[in-house]
Protein backbone atom coordinates (compact mmCIF):
# COMPACT_ATOMS: atom_id res chain seq x y z
CA UNK A 1 0.00 0.00 0.00
CA UNK A 2 1.25 3.47 -0.79
CA UNK A 3 0.82 6.31 1.61
CA UNK A 4 -1.33 9.24 0.51
CA UNK A 5 1.57 11.65 0.75
CA UNK A 6 3.70 9.31 -1.39
CA UNK A 7 0.95 9.18 -4.02
CA UNK A 8 0.81 12.98 -4.10
CA UNK A 9 4.57 13.18 -4.43
CA UNK A 10 4.53 10.65 -7.28
CA UNK A 11 1.78 12.60 -9.07
CA UNK A 12 3.67 15.86 -8.70
CA UNK A 13 6.84 14.21 -9.99
CA UNK A 14 4.96 12.84 -13.00
CA UNK A 15 3.42 16.21 -13.78
CA UNK A 16 6.79 17.90 -13.46
CA UNK A 17 8.35 15.33 -15.74
CA UNK A 18 5.59 15.73 -18.32
CA UNK A 19 5.85 19.49 -18.19
CA UNK A 20 9.63 19.27 -18.48
CA UNK A 21 9.32 16.99 -21.48
CA UNK A 22 6.83 19.31 -23.16
CA UNK A 23 9.04 22.29 -22.40
CA UNK A 24 12.07 20.55 -23.86
CA UNK A 25 10.39 20.33 -27.28
CA UNK A 26 10.20 24.11 -27.90
CA UNK A 27 13.66 24.47 -26.43
CA UNK A 28 14.97 21.95 -28.91
CA UNK A 29 13.15 23.72 -31.71
CA UNK A 30 14.43 27.13 -30.73
CA UNK A 31 17.92 25.75 -30.36
CA UNK A 32 18.23 25.04 -34.10
CA UNK A 33 21.13 27.19 -35.43
CA UNK A 34 19.94 30.01 -37.64
CA UNK A 35 21.87 31.01 -40.79
CA UNK A 36 24.13 33.96 -40.18
CA UNK A 37 24.22 37.06 -42.32
CA UNK A 38 26.63 36.88 -45.26
CA UNK A 39 29.94 38.64 -44.62
CA UNK A 40 30.45 42.03 -46.16
CA UNK A 41 33.29 41.45 -48.60
CA UNK A 42 35.78 44.16 -49.44
CA UNK A 43 35.74 44.46 -53.23
CA UNK A 44 38.27 46.47 -55.15
CA UNK A 45 35.46 48.41 -56.76
CA UNK A 46 34.11 49.59 -53.39
CA UNK A 47 35.98 52.97 -53.43
CA UNK A 48 34.53 53.70 -56.86
CA UNK A 49 31.01 52.84 -55.72
CA UNK A 50 31.36 54.97 -52.60
CA UNK A 51 32.49 57.87 -54.78
CA UNK A 52 29.46 57.35 -57.01
CA UNK A 53 27.16 57.67 -54.00
CA UNK A 54 28.45 61.19 -53.32
CA UNK A 55 28.44 62.39 -56.91
CA UNK A 56 26.78 65.76 -57.40
CA UNK A 57 24.25 66.85 -60.00
CA UNK A 58 26.89 68.92 -61.79
CA UNK A 59 29.27 65.95 -62.01
CA UNK A 60 26.49 63.81 -63.45
CA UNK A 61 25.66 66.48 -66.01
CA UNK A 62 29.32 66.74 -66.94
CA UNK A 63 29.48 63.01 -67.68
CA UNK A 64 26.33 62.97 -69.81
CA UNK A 65 28.01 63.92 -73.14
CA UNK A 66 30.58 61.15 -72.77
CA UNK A 67 27.90 58.58 -71.94
CA UNK A 68 25.75 59.70 -74.88
CA UNK A 69 28.72 59.52 -77.26
CA UNK A 70 29.59 56.01 -76.09
CA UNK A 71 25.99 54.88 -76.49
CA UNK A 72 25.76 56.48 -79.94
CA UNK A 73 28.91 54.73 -81.13
CA UNK A 74 27.66 51.36 -79.93
CA UNK A 75 24.21 51.86 -81.44
CA UNK A 76 25.68 53.13 -84.73
CA UNK A 77 27.84 50.02 -85.03
CA UNK A 78 24.79 47.80 -84.48
CA UNK A 79 22.03 49.33 -86.61
CA UNK A 80 22.54 52.69 -88.32
CA UNK A 81 19.07 52.75 -89.81
CA UNK A 82 17.38 52.61 -86.41
CA UNK A 83 19.70 55.28 -85.03
CA UNK A 84 18.86 57.64 -87.89
CA UNK A 85 15.15 56.89 -87.40
CA UNK A 86 15.34 57.77 -83.70
CA UNK A 87 17.21 61.03 -84.35
CA UNK A 88 14.85 62.17 -87.10
CA UNK A 89 11.76 61.30 -85.06
CA UNK A 90 13.06 63.18 -82.04
CA UNK A 91 13.73 66.23 -84.20
CA UNK A 92 10.22 66.04 -85.67
CA UNK A 93 8.75 65.64 -82.20
CA UNK A 94 10.57 68.76 -81.04
CA UNK A 95 9.34 70.71 -84.05
CA UNK A 96 5.80 69.52 -83.35
CA UNK A 97 6.05 70.73 -79.76
CA UNK A 98 7.37 74.11 -80.91
CA UNK A 99 4.59 74.56 -83.47
CA UNK A 100 1.92 73.46 -80.98
CA UNK A 101 3.05 75.89 -78.26
CA UNK A 102 3.41 78.73 -80.75
CA UNK A 103 -0.07 78.12 -82.16
CA UNK A 104 -1.59 77.99 -78.69
CA UNK A 105 0.06 81.29 -77.77
CA UNK A 106 -1.36 82.87 -80.94
CA UNK A 107 -4.82 81.51 -80.14
CA UNK A 108 -4.85 82.95 -76.62
CA UNK A 109 -5.10 86.52 -77.91
CA UNK A 110 -8.39 86.14 -79.81
CA UNK A 111 -9.86 83.84 -77.16
CA UNK A 112 -9.16 86.16 -74.24
CA UNK A 113 -9.52 89.50 -75.99
CA UNK A 114 -12.82 89.03 -77.82
CA UNK A 115 -16.05 90.22 -76.24
CA UNK A 116 -18.07 87.55 -77.99
CA UNK A 117 -16.81 83.98 -77.23
CA UNK A 118 -18.06 82.73 -80.59
CA UNK A 119 -16.19 85.44 -82.46
CA UNK A 120 -13.05 84.72 -80.43
CA UNK A 121 -13.28 81.00 -81.10
CA UNK A 122 -13.81 81.63 -84.80
CA UNK A 123 -10.74 83.87 -84.93
CA UNK A 124 -8.60 81.38 -82.99
CA UNK A 125 -9.80 78.32 -84.88
CA UNK A 126 -6.94 78.24 -87.46
CA UNK A 127 -4.29 78.44 -84.73
CA UNK A 128 -6.04 75.78 -82.66
CA UNK A 129 -6.29 73.48 -85.67
CA UNK A 130 -2.58 73.90 -86.32
CA UNK A 131 -1.84 73.09 -82.67
CA UNK A 132 -3.89 69.88 -82.84
CA UNK A 133 -2.18 68.73 -86.05
CA UNK A 134 1.26 69.55 -84.63
CA UNK A 135 0.51 67.69 -81.40
CA UNK A 136 -0.68 64.63 -83.33
CA UNK A 137 2.41 64.71 -85.55
CA UNK A 138 4.71 65.01 -82.56
CA UNK A 139 3.00 62.08 -80.83
CA UNK A 140 3.30 59.94 -83.96
CA UNK A 141 7.01 60.78 -84.21
CA UNK A 142 7.50 59.87 -80.56
CA UNK A 143 5.76 56.51 -81.07
CA UNK A 144 7.95 55.77 -84.09
CA UNK A 145 11.08 56.65 -82.10
CA UNK A 146 9.97 54.32 -79.32
CA UNK A 147 9.41 51.54 -81.86
CA UNK A 148 12.91 52.01 -83.27
CA UNK A 149 14.41 52.03 -79.78
CA UNK A 150 12.72 48.77 -78.86
CA UNK A 151 14.15 47.18 -82.00
CA UNK A 152 17.60 48.56 -81.22
CA UNK A 153 17.81 47.56 -77.54
CA UNK A 154 18.14 43.77 -78.01
CA UNK A 155 20.81 44.27 -80.65
CA UNK A 156 22.82 46.52 -78.32
CA UNK A 157 22.51 44.01 -75.48
CA UNK A 158 23.66 41.16 -77.73
CA UNK A 159 26.61 43.19 -79.03
CA UNK A 160 27.71 44.11 -75.50
CA UNK A 161 27.39 40.51 -74.32
CA UNK A 162 29.38 39.15 -77.27
CA UNK A 163 32.07 41.78 -76.72
CA UNK A 164 32.42 40.75 -73.07
CA UNK A 165 32.62 37.07 -74.00
CA UNK A 166 35.24 37.81 -76.67
CA UNK A 167 37.38 39.74 -74.19
CA UNK A 168 37.18 36.90 -71.68
CA UNK A 169 38.23 34.41 -74.34
CA UNK A 170 41.32 36.47 -75.20
CA UNK A 171 42.83 36.65 -71.73
CA UNK A 172 45.30 34.08 -70.44
CA UNK A 173 44.10 31.41 -68.02
CA UNK A 174 46.45 32.74 -65.36
CA UNK A 175 44.52 36.03 -65.36
CA UNK A 176 41.55 34.31 -63.74
CA UNK A 177 43.67 33.71 -60.60
CA UNK A 178 44.92 37.27 -60.35
CA UNK A 179 43.60 39.54 -57.66
CA UNK A 180 40.82 41.84 -58.87
CA UNK A 181 40.06 39.95 -62.07
CA UNK A 182 36.83 38.52 -60.70
CA UNK A 183 35.63 41.96 -59.61
CA UNK A 184 36.42 43.44 -63.03
CA UNK A 185 34.71 40.53 -64.75
CA UNK A 186 31.62 40.93 -62.61
CA UNK A 187 31.51 44.68 -63.32
CA UNK A 188 31.72 43.98 -67.05
CA UNK A 189 28.94 41.39 -66.80
CA UNK A 190 26.65 43.82 -64.96
CA UNK A 191 27.41 46.47 -67.58
CA UNK A 192 26.54 44.11 -70.43
CA UNK A 193 23.27 43.16 -68.71
CA UNK A 194 22.29 46.80 -68.34
CA UNK A 195 23.27 47.67 -71.90
CA UNK A 196 19.70 46.85 -72.91
CA UNK A 197 18.61 50.12 -71.29
CA UNK A 198 21.27 52.29 -72.93
CA UNK A 199 19.37 53.28 -76.05
CA UNK A 200 16.11 53.73 -74.14
CA UNK A 201 17.71 55.98 -71.52
CA UNK A 202 19.58 57.97 -74.16
CA UNK A 203 16.39 58.40 -76.17
CA UNK A 204 14.48 59.58 -73.10
CA UNK A 205 17.20 62.06 -72.19
CA UNK A 206 17.57 63.55 -75.65
CA UNK A 207 13.80 63.66 -76.07
CA UNK A 208 13.50 65.62 -72.84
CA UNK A 209 16.22 68.03 -73.93
CA UNK A 210 14.53 68.62 -77.28
CA UNK A 211 11.18 69.27 -75.63
CA UNK A 212 12.83 71.58 -73.09
CA UNK A 213 14.52 73.63 -75.80
CA UNK A 214 11.24 73.92 -77.71
CA UNK A 215 9.33 75.03 -74.64
CA UNK A 216 12.08 77.47 -73.65
CA UNK A 217 12.09 79.18 -77.04
CA UNK A 218 8.32 79.66 -77.02
CA UNK A 219 8.00 80.78 -73.40
CA UNK A 220 10.88 83.22 -73.71
CA UNK A 221 9.21 84.87 -76.70
CA UNK A 222 6.03 85.34 -74.66
CA UNK A 223 7.62 86.71 -71.49
CA UNK A 224 11.11 86.31 -69.98
CA UNK A 225 9.71 85.52 -66.53
CA UNK A 226 8.10 82.37 -67.90
CA UNK A 227 11.61 80.97 -68.35
CA UNK A 228 12.10 81.22 -64.58
CA UNK A 229 8.84 79.32 -64.05
CA UNK A 230 10.03 76.62 -66.45
CA UNK A 231 13.34 76.26 -64.62
CA UNK A 232 11.58 76.02 -61.26
CA UNK A 233 9.39 73.23 -62.63
CA UNK A 234 12.31 71.26 -64.11
CA UNK A 235 14.89 71.47 -61.31
CA UNK A 236 12.86 69.50 -58.70
CA UNK A 237 12.36 66.66 -61.17
CA UNK A 238 16.09 66.58 -61.86
CA UNK A 239 16.93 66.50 -58.16
CA UNK A 240 14.35 63.76 -57.62
CA UNK A 241 15.93 61.68 -60.36
CA UNK A 242 19.39 62.07 -58.81
CA UNK A 243 18.11 61.09 -55.36
CA UNK A 244 16.32 58.03 -56.77
CA UNK A 245 19.47 56.98 -58.66
CA UNK A 246 21.54 57.26 -55.48
CA UNK A 247 19.05 55.13 -53.55
CA UNK A 248 19.11 52.44 -56.24
CA UNK A 249 22.90 52.53 -56.27
CA UNK A 250 23.12 52.14 -52.48
CA UNK A 251 20.68 49.22 -52.53
CA UNK A 252 22.70 47.52 -55.26
CA UNK A 253 25.96 48.07 -53.37
CA UNK A 254 24.66 46.92 -49.97
CA UNK A 255 23.20 43.68 -51.35
CA UNK A 256 26.15 42.77 -53.57
CA UNK A 257 27.77 40.36 -51.08
CA UNK A 258 24.48 38.60 -50.35
CA UNK A 259 23.82 38.13 -54.05
CA UNK A 260 27.27 36.68 -54.57
CA UNK A 261 26.79 34.21 -51.71
CA UNK A 262 23.40 33.12 -53.07
CA UNK A 263 24.90 32.73 -56.52
CA UNK A 264 27.70 30.52 -55.22
CA UNK A 265 25.23 28.41 -53.25
CA UNK A 266 23.03 27.92 -56.30
CA UNK A 267 26.02 27.14 -58.46
CA UNK A 268 27.39 24.63 -55.98
């Protein structure tokens, strides 16, 4: 026979053991080692990337002509017909913008100065018709330029990729073991992958410059103060683009080591 106090002690011991066993399960689960963060590797290109983070708007503007010339040479070597199409269409689009703004400025006088709205609309109708035709022509030219750019982009990407492969095939095998070769090779590979956006970015930039020149010429002829208004409307967009580019660059730089580790794990 077991004493009552012994039965109570046995029950308490069993409950404690059961609770200890149940508590050991979460402890075992939480004790599983978690993967550590990938180490931040010190690449040779890090000083260049850090310098790019602090680049100013003026330094970016100073490098634009060189980047456009390099893109133009690459595109010209790939497909001259598409390059000529893009340039002509951008010029026509700028002319259409100039004609449209000029016609609208001529139509404002009769519309605002006439006592009878019908008479004012009748007097401004030729200028308004010209503005509509010019706007439609400029839009058609822009669409054609975009079509030519989309045909040119894959060819530029293929040419850049083949150039990178050809350069890698020419180097000696011992170069692959030299310090810094892997970083330079990776930089070249990233550049060839982003070459697909070269023509599109160049087209967007030149298109914006053409439209800006057209608008500047028309607004200056109306009143010089309108040029100040135009500048105040353009500068914030430029600063916003620079800030967005810096953020993208920092994200790319901070995640470079993690991407390399994931690539090696997938490749292994």
